[in-house]
PDB file of all heavy atoms in Angstrom:
ATOM      1  N   ASP A   1       0.834  -1.209   0.000  1.00  0.00           N
ATOM      2  CA  ASP A   1       0.000   0.000   0.000  1.00  0.00           C
ATOM      3  C   ASP A   1       0.868   1.259   0.000  1.00  0.00           C
ATOM      4  O   ASP A   1       0.577   2.228  -0.716  1.00  0.00           O
ATOM      5  CB  ASP A   1      -0.928   0.012   1.217  1.00  0.00           C
ATOM      6  CG  ASP A   1      -1.987  -1.083   1.159  1.00  0.00           C
ATOM      7  OD1 ASP A   1      -2.238  -1.590   0.046  1.00  0.00           O
ATOM      8  OD2 ASP A   1      -2.538  -1.437   2.221  1.00  0.00           O
ATOM      9  N   ALA A   2       1.915   1.247   0.793  1.00  0.00           N
ATOM     10  CA  ALA A   2       2.806   2.408   0.851  1.00  0.00           C
ATOM     11  C   ALA A   2       3.489   2.646  -0.496  1.00  0.00           C
ATOM     12  O   ALA A   2       3.609   3.792  -0.958  1.00  0.00           O
ATOM     13  CB  ALA A   2       3.853   2.214   1.946  1.00  0.00           C
ATOM     14  N   ALA A   3       3.906   1.571  -1.141  1.00  0.00           N
ATOM     15  CA  ALA A   3       4.557   1.700  -2.449  1.00  0.00           C
ATOM     16  C   ALA A   3       3.575   2.183  -3.510  1.00  0.00           C
ATOM     17  O   ALA A   3       3.913   3.014  -4.359  1.00  0.00           O
ATOM     18  CB  ALA A   3       5.161   0.359  -2.865  1.00  0.00           C
ATOM     19  N   ALA A   4       2.346   1.667  -3.479  1.00  0.00           N
ATOM     20  CA  ALA A   4       1.330   2.064  -4.463  1.00  0.00           C
ATOM     21  C   ALA A   4       0.979   3.545  -4.325  1.00  0.00           C
ATOM     22  O   ALA A   4       0.634   4.205  -5.318  1.00  0.00           O
ATOM     23  CB  ALA A   4       0.081   1.213  -4.301  1.00  0.00           C
ATOM     24  N   ASN A   5       1.058   4.073  -3.107  1.00  0.00           N
ATOM     25  CA  ASN A   5       0.703   5.474  -2.861  1.00  0.00           C
ATOM     26  C   ASN A   5       1.870   6.435  -3.053  1.00  0.00           C
ATOM     27  O   ASN A   5       1.687   7.656  -2.995  1.00  0.00           O
ATOM     28  CB  ASN A   5       0.145   5.632  -1.443  1.00  0.00           C
ATOM     29  CG  ASN A   5      -1.198   4.943  -1.274  1.00  0.00           C
ATOM     30  OD1 ASN A   5      -1.986   4.891  -2.211  1.00  0.00           O
ATOM     31  ND2 ASN A   5      -1.446   4.390  -0.092  1.00  0.00           N
ATOM     32  N   GLN A   6       3.064   5.893  -3.283  1.00  0.00           N
ATOM     33  CA  GLN A   6       4.223   6.755  -3.482  1.00  0.00           C
ATOM     34  C   GLN A   6       4.161   7.408  -4.863  1.00  0.00           C
ATOM     35  O   GLN A   6       3.970   6.740  -5.877  1.00  0.00           O
ATOM     36  CB  GLN A   6       5.516   5.940  -3.363  1.00  0.00           C
ATOM     37  CG  GLN A   6       6.788   6.758  -3.571  1.00  0.00           C
ATOM     38  CD  GLN A   6       8.043   5.888  -3.531  1.00  0.00           C
ATOM     39  OE1 GLN A   6       8.084   4.865  -2.850  1.00  0.00           O
ATOM     40  NE2 GLN A   6       9.056   6.278  -4.289  1.00  0.00           N
ATOM     41  N   GLU A   7       4.289   8.721  -4.904  1.00  0.00           N
ATOM     42  CA  GLU A   7       4.279   9.427  -6.187  1.00  0.00           C
ATOM     43  C   GLU A   7       5.631   9.250  -6.866  1.00  0.00           C
ATOM     44  O   GLU A   7       6.684   9.491  -6.270  1.00  0.00           O
ATOM     45  CB  GLU A   7       3.989  10.915  -5.982  1.00  0.00           C
ATOM     46  CG  GLU A   7       3.828  11.674  -7.288  1.00  0.00           C
ATOM     47  CD  GLU A   7       3.374  13.108  -7.084  1.00  0.00           C
ATOM     48  OE1 GLU A   7       2.758  13.386  -6.033  1.00  0.00           O
ATOM     49  OE2 GLU A   7       3.646  13.943  -7.970  1.00  0.00           O
ATOM     50  N   LEU A   8       5.593   8.826  -8.126  1.00  0.00           N
ATOM     51  CA  LEU A   8       6.820   8.560  -8.867  1.00  0.00           C
ATOM     52  C   LEU A   8       7.181   9.757  -9.739  1.00  0.00           C
ATOM     53  O   LEU A   8       6.346  10.265 -10.485  1.00  0.00           O
ATOM     54  CB  LEU A   8       6.655   7.315  -9.744  1.00  0.00           C
ATOM     55  CG  LEU A   8       6.374   5.998  -8.997  1.00  0.00           C
ATOM     56  CD1 LEU A   8       6.216   4.855  -9.985  1.00  0.00           C
ATOM     57  CD2 LEU A   8       7.478   5.691  -7.999  1.00  0.00           C
ATOM     58  N   ALA A   9       8.413  10.200  -9.644  1.00  0.00           N
ATOM     59  CA  ALA A   9       8.917  11.290 -10.475  1.00  0.00           C
ATOM     60  C   ALA A   9       9.849  10.689 -11.523  1.00  0.00           C
ATOM     61  O   ALA A   9      10.840  10.041 -11.184  1.00  0.00           O
ATOM     62  CB  ALA A   9       9.660  12.316  -9.625  1.00  0.00           C
ATOM     63  N   TYR A  10       9.521  10.895 -12.788  1.00  0.00           N
ATOM     64  CA  TYR A  10      10.306  10.299 -13.866  1.00  0.00           C
ATOM     65  C   TYR A  10      11.371  11.274 -14.352  1.00  0.00           C
ATOM     66  O   TYR A  10      11.173  12.494 -14.366  1.00  0.00           O
ATOM     67  CB  TYR A  10       9.391   9.890 -15.024  1.00  0.00           C
ATOM     68  CG  TYR A  10       8.386   8.851 -14.617  1.00  0.00           C
ATOM     69  CD1 TYR A  10       7.055   9.199 -14.393  1.00  0.00           C
ATOM     70  CD2 TYR A  10       8.766   7.529 -14.422  1.00  0.00           C
ATOM     71  CE1 TYR A  10       6.129   8.254 -13.996  1.00  0.00           C
ATOM     72  CE2 TYR A  10       7.852   6.572 -14.030  1.00  0.00           C
ATOM     73  CZ  TYR A  10       6.530   6.936 -13.821  1.00  0.00           C
ATOM     74  OH  TYR A  10       5.626   5.999 -13.430  1.00  0.00           O
ATOM     75  N   LYS A  11      12.488  10.704 -14.780  1.00  0.00           N
ATOM     76  CA  LYS A  11      13.628  11.536 -15.175  1.00  0.00           C
ATOM     77  C   LYS A  11      13.493  12.073 -16.591  1.00  0.00           C
ATOM     78  O   LYS A  11      13.497  13.277 -16.822  1.00  0.00           O
ATOM     79  CB  LYS A  11      14.922  10.723 -15.059  1.00  0.00           C
ATOM     80  CG  LYS A  11      16.160  11.486 -15.537  1.00  0.00           C
ATOM     81  CD  LYS A  11      17.348  10.552 -15.705  1.00  0.00           C
ATOM     82  CE  LYS A  11      18.525  11.284 -16.349  1.00  0.00           C
ATOM     83  NZ  LYS A  11      19.622  10.376 -16.685  1.00  0.00           N
ATOM     84  N   ASN A  12      13.371  11.185 -17.542  1.00  0.00           N
ATOM     85  CA  ASN A  12      13.462  11.590 -18.945  1.00  0.00           C
ATOM     86  C   ASN A  12      12.191  11.259 -19.702  1.00  0.00           C
ATOM     87  O   ASN A  12      11.731  10.123 -19.686  1.00  0.00           O
ATOM     88  CB  ASN A  12      14.633  10.874 -19.644  1.00  0.00           C
ATOM     89  CG  ASN A  12      15.973  11.335 -19.125  1.00  0.00           C
ATOM     90  OD1 ASN A  12      16.143  12.500 -18.795  1.00  0.00           O
ATOM     91  ND2 ASN A  12      16.921  10.416 -19.040  1.00  0.00           N
ATOM     92  N   ALA A  13      11.636  12.242 -20.355  1.00  0.00           N
ATOM     93  CA  ALA A  13      10.596  11.983 -21.344  1.00  0.00           C
ATOM     94  C   ALA A  13      11.272  11.880 -22.711  1.00  0.00           C
ATOM     95  O   ALA A  13      12.324  12.458 -22.932  1.00  0.00           O
ATOM     96  CB  ALA A  13       9.573  13.113 -21.349  1.00  0.00           C
ATOM     97  N   PRO A  14      10.700  11.135 -23.643  1.00  0.00           N
ATOM     98  CA  PRO A  14      11.357  10.925 -24.927  1.00  0.00           C
ATOM     99  C   PRO A  14      11.424  12.197 -25.768  1.00  0.00           C
ATOM    100  O   PRO A  14      10.590  13.078 -25.660  1.00  0.00           O
ATOM    101  CB  PRO A  14      10.470   9.862 -25.603  1.00  0.00           C
ATOM    102  CG  PRO A  14       9.142   9.985 -24.932  1.00  0.00           C
ATOM    103  CD  PRO A  14       9.436  10.399 -23.524  1.00  0.00           C
ATOM    104  N   ASN A  15      12.468  12.293 -26.623  1.00  0.00           N
ATOM    105  CA  ASN A  15      12.589  13.390 -27.578  1.00  0.00           C
ATOM    106  C   ASN A  15      11.663  13.083 -28.745  1.00  0.00           C
ATOM    107  O   ASN A  15      11.927  12.183 -29.534  1.00  0.00           O
ATOM    108  CB  ASN A  15      14.038  13.511 -28.046  1.00  0.00           C
ATOM    109  CG  ASN A  15      14.225  14.659 -29.019  1.00  0.00           C
ATOM    110  OD1 ASN A  15      13.385  15.550 -29.087  1.00  0.00           O
ATOM    111  ND2 ASN A  15      15.307  14.621 -29.768  1.00  0.00           N
ATOM    112  N   ILE A  16      10.597  13.875 -28.873  1.00  0.00           N
ATOM    113  CA  ILE A  16       9.505  13.444 -29.725  1.00  0.00           C
ATOM    114  C   ILE A  16       8.688  14.636 -30.179  1.00  0.00           C
ATOM    115  O   ILE A  16       8.532  15.619 -29.450  1.00  0.00           O
ATOM    116  CB  ILE A  16       8.630  12.432 -28.926  1.00  0.00           C
ATOM    117  CG1 ILE A  16       7.529  11.830 -29.761  1.00  0.00           C
ATOM    118  CG2 ILE A  16       8.050  13.078 -27.688  1.00  0.00           C
ATOM    119  CD1 ILE A  16       6.786  10.722 -29.026  1.00  0.00           C
ATOM    120  N   LYS A  17       8.170  14.556 -31.397  1.00  0.00           N
ATOM    121  CA  LYS A  17       7.219  15.542 -31.904  1.00  0.00           C
ATOM    122  C   LYS A  17       5.847  14.893 -31.983  1.00  0.00           C
ATOM    123  O   LYS A  17       5.735  13.707 -32.292  1.00  0.00           O
ATOM    124  CB  LYS A  17       7.656  16.033 -33.287  1.00  0.00           C
ATOM    125  CG  LYS A  17       8.967  16.793 -33.282  1.00  0.00           C
ATOM    126  CD  LYS A  17       9.380  17.177 -34.692  1.00  0.00           C
ATOM    127  CE  LYS A  17      10.722  17.908 -34.682  1.00  0.00           C
ATOM    128  NZ  LYS A  17      11.184  18.227 -36.059  1.00  0.00           N
ATOM    129  N   ALA A  18       4.789  15.681 -31.718  1.00  0.00           N
ATOM    130  CA  ALA A  18       3.417  15.151 -31.693  1.00  0.00           C
ATOM    131  C   ALA A  18       3.341  13.913 -30.800  1.00  0.00           C
ATOM    132  O   ALA A  18       2.940  12.835 -31.247  1.00  0.00           O
ATOM    133  CB  ALA A  18       2.938  14.832 -33.105  1.00  0.00           C
ATOM    134  N   PRO A  19       3.755  14.034 -29.537  1.00  0.00           N
ATOM    135  CA  PRO A  19       3.951  12.841 -28.692  1.00  0.00           C
ATOM    136  C   PRO A  19       2.701  11.992 -28.487  1.00  0.00           C
ATOM    137  O   PRO A  19       2.794  10.763 -28.534  1.00  0.00           O
ATOM    138  CB  PRO A  19       4.458  13.435 -27.368  1.00  0.00           C
ATOM    139  CG  PRO A  19       4.076  14.871 -27.394  1.00  0.00           C
ATOM    140  CD  PRO A  19       4.093  15.285 -28.826  1.00  0.00           C
ATOM    141  N   HIS A  20       1.544  12.619 -28.243  1.00  0.00           N
ATOM    142  CA  HIS A  20       0.351  11.799 -28.025  1.00  0.00           C
ATOM    143  C   HIS A  20       0.018  10.972 -29.268  1.00  0.00           C
ATOM    144  O   HIS A  20      -0.344   9.795 -29.174  1.00  0.00           O
ATOM    145  CB  HIS A  20      -0.845  12.688 -27.661  1.00  0.00           C
ATOM    146  CG  HIS A  20      -0.787  13.241 -26.275  1.00  0.00           C
ATOM    147  ND1 HIS A  20      -0.529  14.556 -26.004  1.00  0.00           N
ATOM    148  CD2 HIS A  20      -0.936  12.645 -25.072  1.00  0.00           C
ATOM    149  CE1 HIS A  20      -0.541  14.752 -24.704  1.00  0.00           C
ATOM    150  NE2 HIS A  20      -0.772  13.613 -24.111  1.00  0.00           N
ATOM    151  N   PHE A  21       0.159  11.589 -30.429  1.00  0.00           N
ATOM    152  CA  PHE A  21      -0.128  10.876 -31.669  1.00  0.00           C
ATOM    153  C   PHE A  21       0.879   9.762 -31.903  1.00  0.00           C
ATOM    154  O   PHE A  21       0.507   8.641 -32.290  1.00  0.00           O
ATOM    155  CB  PHE A  21      -0.105  11.853 -32.842  1.00  0.00           C
ATOM    156  CG  PHE A  21      -0.292  11.195 -34.179  1.00  0.00           C
ATOM    157  CD1 PHE A  21      -1.535  10.763 -34.587  1.00  0.00           C
ATOM    158  CD2 PHE A  21       0.795  11.008 -35.027  1.00  0.00           C
ATOM    159  CE1 PHE A  21      -1.709  10.145 -35.819  1.00  0.00           C
ATOM    160  CE2 PHE A  21       0.635  10.395 -36.261  1.00  0.00           C
ATOM    161  CZ  PHE A  21      -0.622   9.967 -36.660  1.00  0.00           C
ATOM    162  N   VAL A  22       2.160  10.040 -31.673  1.00  0.00           N
ATOM    163  CA  VAL A  22       3.194   9.026 -31.906  1.00  0.00           C
ATOM    164  C   VAL A  22       2.976   7.812 -31.008  1.00  0.00           C
ATOM    165  O   VAL A  22       3.110   6.664 -31.449  1.00  0.00           O
ATOM    166  CB  VAL A  22       4.594   9.628 -31.691  1.00  0.00           C
ATOM    167  CG1 VAL A  22       5.645   8.537 -31.591  1.00  0.00           C
ATOM    168  CG2 VAL A  22       4.941  10.575 -32.834  1.00  0.00           C
ATOM    169  N   MET A  23       2.631   8.046 -29.748  1.00  0.00           N
ATOM    170  CA  MET A  23       2.382   6.922 -28.844  1.00  0.00           C
ATOM    171  C   MET A  23       1.127   6.154 -29.253  1.00  0.00           C
ATOM    172  O   MET A  23       1.050   4.929 -29.105  1.00  0.00           O
ATOM    173  CB  MET A  23       2.263   7.415 -27.411  1.00  0.00           C
ATOM    174  CG  MET A  23       3.568   7.960 -26.861  1.00  0.00           C
ATOM    175  SD  MET A  23       4.910   6.730 -26.984  1.00  0.00           S
ATOM    176  CE  MET A  23       6.323   7.730 -26.531  1.00  0.00           C
ATOM    177  N   TYR A  24       0.148   6.867 -29.785  1.00  0.00           N
ATOM    178  CA  TYR A  24      -1.062   6.238 -30.326  1.00  0.00           C
ATOM    179  C   TYR A  24      -0.688   5.336 -31.502  1.00  0.00           C
ATOM    180  O   TYR A  24      -1.133   4.183 -31.609  1.00  0.00           O
ATOM    181  CB  TYR A  24      -2.016   7.353 -30.751  1.00  0.00           C
ATOM    182  CG  TYR A  24      -3.313   6.929 -31.405  1.00  0.00           C
ATOM    183  CD1 TYR A  24      -4.429   6.621 -30.637  1.00  0.00           C
ATOM    184  CD2 TYR A  24      -3.436   6.880 -32.786  1.00  0.00           C
ATOM    185  CE1 TYR A  24      -5.637   6.260 -31.239  1.00  0.00           C
ATOM    186  CE2 TYR A  24      -4.628   6.522 -33.401  1.00  0.00           C
ATOM    187  CZ  TYR A  24      -5.725   6.220 -32.618  1.00  0.00           C
ATOM    188  OH  TYR A  24      -6.914   5.871 -33.218  1.00  0.00           O
ATOM    189  N   VAL A  25       0.173   5.840 -32.384  1.00  0.00           N
ATOM    190  CA  VAL A  25       0.626   5.066 -33.546  1.00  0.00           C
ATOM    191  C   VAL A  25       1.484   3.887 -33.110  1.00  0.00           C
ATOM    192  O   VAL A  25       1.344   2.773 -33.630  1.00  0.00           O
ATOM    193  CB  VAL A  25       1.413   5.971 -34.516  1.00  0.00           C
ATOM    194  CG1 VAL A  25       2.162   5.144 -35.558  1.00  0.00           C
ATOM    195  CG2 VAL A  25       0.478   6.937 -35.210  1.00  0.00           C
ATOM    196  N   LYS A  26       2.357   4.112 -32.153  1.00  0.00           N
ATOM    197  CA  LYS A  26       3.237   3.037 -31.708  1.00  0.00           C
ATOM    198  C   LYS A  26       2.431   1.863 -31.172  1.00  0.00           C
ATOM    199  O   LYS A  26       2.734   0.696 -31.466  1.00  0.00           O
ATOM    200  CB  LYS A  26       4.207   3.529 -30.639  1.00  0.00           C
ATOM    201  CG  LYS A  26       5.217   2.466 -30.244  1.00  0.00           C
ATOM    202  CD  LYS A  26       6.155   2.923 -29.142  1.00  0.00           C
ATOM    203  CE  LYS A  26       7.108   1.796 -28.751  1.00  0.00           C
ATOM    204  NZ  LYS A  26       7.930   2.138 -27.580  1.00  0.00           N
ATOM    205  N   GLN A  27       1.381   2.151 -30.404  1.00  0.00           N
ATOM    206  CA  GLN A  27       0.559   1.069 -29.882  1.00  0.00           C
ATOM    207  C   GLN A  27      -0.129   0.320 -31.017  1.00  0.00           C
ATOM    208  O   GLN A  27      -0.242  -0.916 -30.995  1.00  0.00           O
ATOM    209  CB  GLN A  27      -0.493   1.616 -28.905  1.00  0.00           C
ATOM    210  CG  GLN A  27      -1.279   0.529 -28.188  1.00  0.00           C
ATOM    211  CD  GLN A  27      -0.397  -0.397 -27.377  1.00  0.00           C
ATOM    212  OE1 GLN A  27       0.343   0.046 -26.505  1.00  0.00           O
ATOM    213  NE2 GLN A  27      -0.451  -1.684 -27.674  1.00  0.00           N
ATOM    214  N   GLU A  28      -0.572   1.051 -32.040  1.00  0.00           N
ATOM    215  CA  GLU A  28      -1.190   0.393 -33.188  1.00  0.00           C
ATOM    216  C   GLU A  28      -0.178  -0.494 -33.917  1.00  0.00           C
ATOM    217  O   GLU A  28      -0.501  -1.600 -34.352  1.00  0.00           O
ATOM    218  CB  GLU A  28      -1.759   1.447 -34.143  1.00  0.00           C
ATOM    219  CG  GLU A  28      -2.542   0.854 -35.297  1.00  0.00           C
ATOM    220  CD  GLU A  28      -3.244   1.899 -36.144  1.00  0.00           C
ATOM    221  OE1 GLU A  28      -3.574   2.975 -35.612  1.00  0.00           O
ATOM    222  OE2 GLU A  28      -3.460   1.625 -37.344  1.00  0.00           O
ATOM    223  N   LEU A  29       1.056  -0.024 -34.041  1.00  0.00           N
ATOM    224  CA  LEU A  29       2.103  -0.823 -34.673  1.00  0.00           C
ATOM    225  C   LEU A  29       2.395  -2.087 -33.882  1.00  0.00           C
ATOM    226  O   LEU A  29       2.549  -3.178 -34.454  1.00  0.00           O
ATOM    227  CB  LEU A  29       3.382   0.003 -34.813  1.00  0.00           C
ATOM    228  CG  LEU A  29       3.365   1.152 -35.827  1.00  0.00           C
ATOM    229  CD1 LEU A  29       4.596   2.027 -35.647  1.00  0.00           C
ATOM    230  CD2 LEU A  29       3.288   0.618 -37.250  1.00  0.00           C
ATOM    231  N   VAL A  30       2.487  -1.956 -32.561  1.00  0.00           N
ATOM    232  CA  VAL A  30       2.753  -3.115 -31.706  1.00  0.00           C
ATOM    233  C   VAL A  30       1.621  -4.123 -31.813  1.00  0.00           C
ATOM    234  O   VAL A  30       1.851  -5.340 -31.898  1.00  0.00           O
ATOM    235  CB  VAL A  30       2.960  -2.665 -30.245  1.00  0.00           C
ATOM    236  CG1 VAL A  30       2.960  -3.870 -29.304  1.00  0.00           C
ATOM    237  CG2 VAL A  30       4.270  -1.905 -30.100  1.00  0.00           C
ATOM    238  N   ASP A  31       0.380  -3.647 -31.838  1.00  0.00           N
ATOM    239  CA  ASP A  31      -0.765  -4.554 -31.980  1.00  0.00           C
ATOM    240  C   ASP A  31      -0.722  -5.293 -33.310  1.00  0.00           C
ATOM    241  O   ASP A  31      -1.136  -6.448 -33.405  1.00  0.00           O
ATOM    242  CB  ASP A  31      -2.074  -3.769 -31.874  1.00  0.00           C
ATOM    243  CG  ASP A  31      -2.332  -3.229 -30.475  1.00  0.00           C
ATOM    244  OD1 ASP A  31      -1.694  -3.728 -29.527  1.00  0.00           O
ATOM    245  OD2 ASP A  31      -3.161  -2.304 -30.330  1.00  0.00           O
ATOM    246  N   ARG A  32      -0.226  -4.624 -34.334  1.00  0.00           N
ATOM    247  CA  ARG A  32      -0.220  -5.214 -35.678  1.00  0.00           C
ATOM    248  C   ARG A  32       1.001  -6.096 -35.930  1.00  0.00           C
ATOM    249  O   ARG A  32       0.897  -7.175 -36.523  1.00  0.00           O
ATOM    250  CB  ARG A  32      -0.282  -4.097 -36.729  1.00  0.00           C
ATOM    251  CG  ARG A  32      -0.443  -4.588 -38.157  1.00  0.00           C
ATOM    252  CD  ARG A  32      -0.419  -3.396 -39.118  1.00  0.00           C
ATOM    253  NE  ARG A  32      -1.553  -2.526 -38.935  1.00  0.00           N
ATOM    254  CZ  ARG A  32      -2.728  -2.674 -39.552  1.00  0.00           C
ATOM    255  NH1 ARG A  32      -2.901  -3.673 -40.391  1.00  0.00           N
ATOM    256  NH2 ARG A  32      -3.709  -1.824 -39.327  1.00  0.00           N
ATOM    257  N   PHE A  33       2.186  -5.644 -35.487  1.00  0.00           N
ATOM    258  CA  PHE A  33       3.427  -6.327 -35.856  1.00  0.00           C
ATOM    259  C   PHE A  33       4.182  -6.957 -34.688  1.00  0.00           C
ATOM    260  O   PHE A  33       5.119  -7.710 -34.908  1.00  0.00           O
ATOM    261  CB  PHE A  33       4.375  -5.346 -36.565  1.00  0.00           C
ATOM    262  CG  PHE A  33       3.818  -4.766 -37.832  1.00  0.00           C
ATOM    263  CD1 PHE A  33       3.478  -3.424 -37.899  1.00  0.00           C
ATOM    264  CD2 PHE A  33       3.621  -5.560 -38.938  1.00  0.00           C
ATOM    265  CE1 PHE A  33       2.961  -2.876 -39.063  1.00  0.00           C
ATOM    266  CE2 PHE A  33       3.105  -5.030 -40.114  1.00  0.00           C
ATOM    267  CZ  PHE A  33       2.774  -3.686 -40.169  1.00  0.00           C
ATOM    268  N   GLY A  34       3.815  -6.622 -33.454  1.00  0.00           N
ATOM    269  CA  GLY A  34       4.523  -7.159 -32.299  1.00  0.00           C
ATOM    270  C   GLY A  34       5.610  -6.222 -31.801  1.00  0.00           C
ATOM    271  O   GLY A  34       6.205  -5.460 -32.569  1.00  0.00           O
ATOM    272  N   GLU A  35       5.883  -6.302 -30.504  1.00  0.00           N
ATOM    273  CA  GLU A  35       6.828  -5.398 -29.850  1.00  0.00           C
ATOM    274  C   GLU A  35       8.237  -5.520 -30.432  1.00  0.00           C
ATOM    275  O   GLU A  35       8.912  -4.522 -30.685  1.00  0.00           O
ATOM    276  CB  GLU A  35       6.866  -5.718 -28.352  1.00  0.00           C
ATOM    277  CG  GLU A  35       7.580  -4.685 -27.520  1.00  0.00           C
ATOM    278  CD  GLU A  35       6.653  -3.601 -27.012  1.00  0.00           C
ATOM    279  OE1 GLU A  35       5.507  -3.913 -26.659  1.00  0.00           O
ATOM    280  OE2 GLU A  35       7.098  -2.448 -26.973  1.00  0.00           O
ATOM    281  N   ALA A  36       8.696  -6.745 -30.676  1.00  0.00           N
ATOM    282  CA  ALA A  36      10.086  -6.951 -31.102  1.00  0.00           C
ATOM    283  C   ALA A  36      10.360  -6.294 -32.450  1.00  0.00           C
ATOM    284  O   ALA A  36      11.384  -5.620 -32.626  1.00  0.00           O
ATOM    285  CB  ALA A  36      10.395  -8.438 -31.160  1.00  0.00           C
ATOM    286  N   LEU A  37       9.481  -6.489 -33.412  1.00  0.00           N
ATOM    287  CA  LEU A  37       9.700  -5.921 -34.742  1.00  0.00           C
ATOM    288  C   LEU A  37       9.636  -4.397 -34.702  1.00  0.00           C
ATOM    289  O   LEU A  37      10.427  -3.713 -35.360  1.00  0.00           O
ATOM    290  CB  LEU A  37       8.667  -6.466 -35.728  1.00  0.00           C
ATOM    291  CG  LEU A  37       8.856  -6.043 -37.192  1.00  0.00           C
ATOM    292  CD1 LEU A  37      10.218  -6.480 -37.711  1.00  0.00           C
ATOM    293  CD2 LEU A  37       7.739  -6.602 -38.056  1.00  0.00           C
ATOM    294  N   VAL A  38       8.710  -3.857 -33.910  1.00  0.00           N
ATOM    295  CA  VAL A  38       8.570  -2.403 -33.826  1.00  0.00           C
ATOM    296  C   VAL A  38       9.787  -1.774 -33.152  1.00  0.00           C
ATOM    297  O   VAL A  38      10.294  -0.733 -33.579  1.00  0.00           O
ATOM    298  CB  VAL A  38       7.277  -2.019 -33.069  1.00  0.00           C
ATOM    299  CG1 VAL A  38       7.204  -0.520 -32.824  1.00  0.00           C
ATOM    300  CG2 VAL A  38       6.053  -2.482 -33.858  1.00  0.00           C
ATOM    301  N   GLU A  39      10.284  -2.412 -32.089  1.00  0.00           N
ATOM    302  CA  GLU A  39      11.390  -1.836 -31.331  1.00  0.00           C
ATOM    303  C   GLU A  39      12.751  -2.099 -31.965  1.00  0.00           C
ATOM    304  O   GLU A  39      13.706  -1.370 -31.716  1.00  0.00           O
ATOM    305  CB  GLU A  39      11.390  -2.409 -29.907  1.00  0.00           C
ATOM    306  CG  GLU A  39      10.170  -2.008 -29.086  1.00  0.00           C
ATOM    307  CD  GLU A  39      10.484  -0.911 -28.091  1.00  0.00           C
ATOM    308  OE1 GLU A  39      11.627  -0.841 -27.635  1.00  0.00           O
ATOM    309  OE2 GLU A  39       9.577  -0.126 -27.773  1.00  0.00           O
ATOM    310  N   ARG A  40      12.841  -3.126 -32.829  1.00  0.00           N
ATOM    311  CA  ARG A  40      14.168  -3.536 -33.288  1.00  0.00           C
ATOM    312  C   ARG A  40      14.263  -3.750 -34.787  1.00  0.00           C
ATOM    313  O   ARG A  40      15.345  -4.005 -35.304  1.00  0.00           O
ATOM    314  CB  ARG A  40      14.555  -4.852 -32.598  1.00  0.00           C
ATOM    315  CG  ARG A  40      14.382  -4.842 -31.104  1.00  0.00           C
ATOM    316  CD  ARG A  40      14.658  -6.188 -30.464  1.00  0.00           C
ATOM    317  NE  ARG A  40      16.047  -6.546 -30.526  1.00  0.00           N
ATOM    318  CZ  ARG A  40      16.559  -7.648 -29.981  1.00  0.00           C
ATOM    319  NH1 ARG A  40      15.763  -8.495 -29.351  1.00  0.00           N
ATOM    320  NH2 ARG A  40      17.836  -7.904 -30.061  1.00  0.00           N
TER     321      ARG A  40
END
């Protein structure tokens, strides 16, 4: 419970343009082609 309630501060956000759209597209790519092919 203590860990779940701890607020997490992240260091780096990705260098990206149109970030919400890109993440939307990335998820569609992963659904279609799989994580390994998309990432590598």
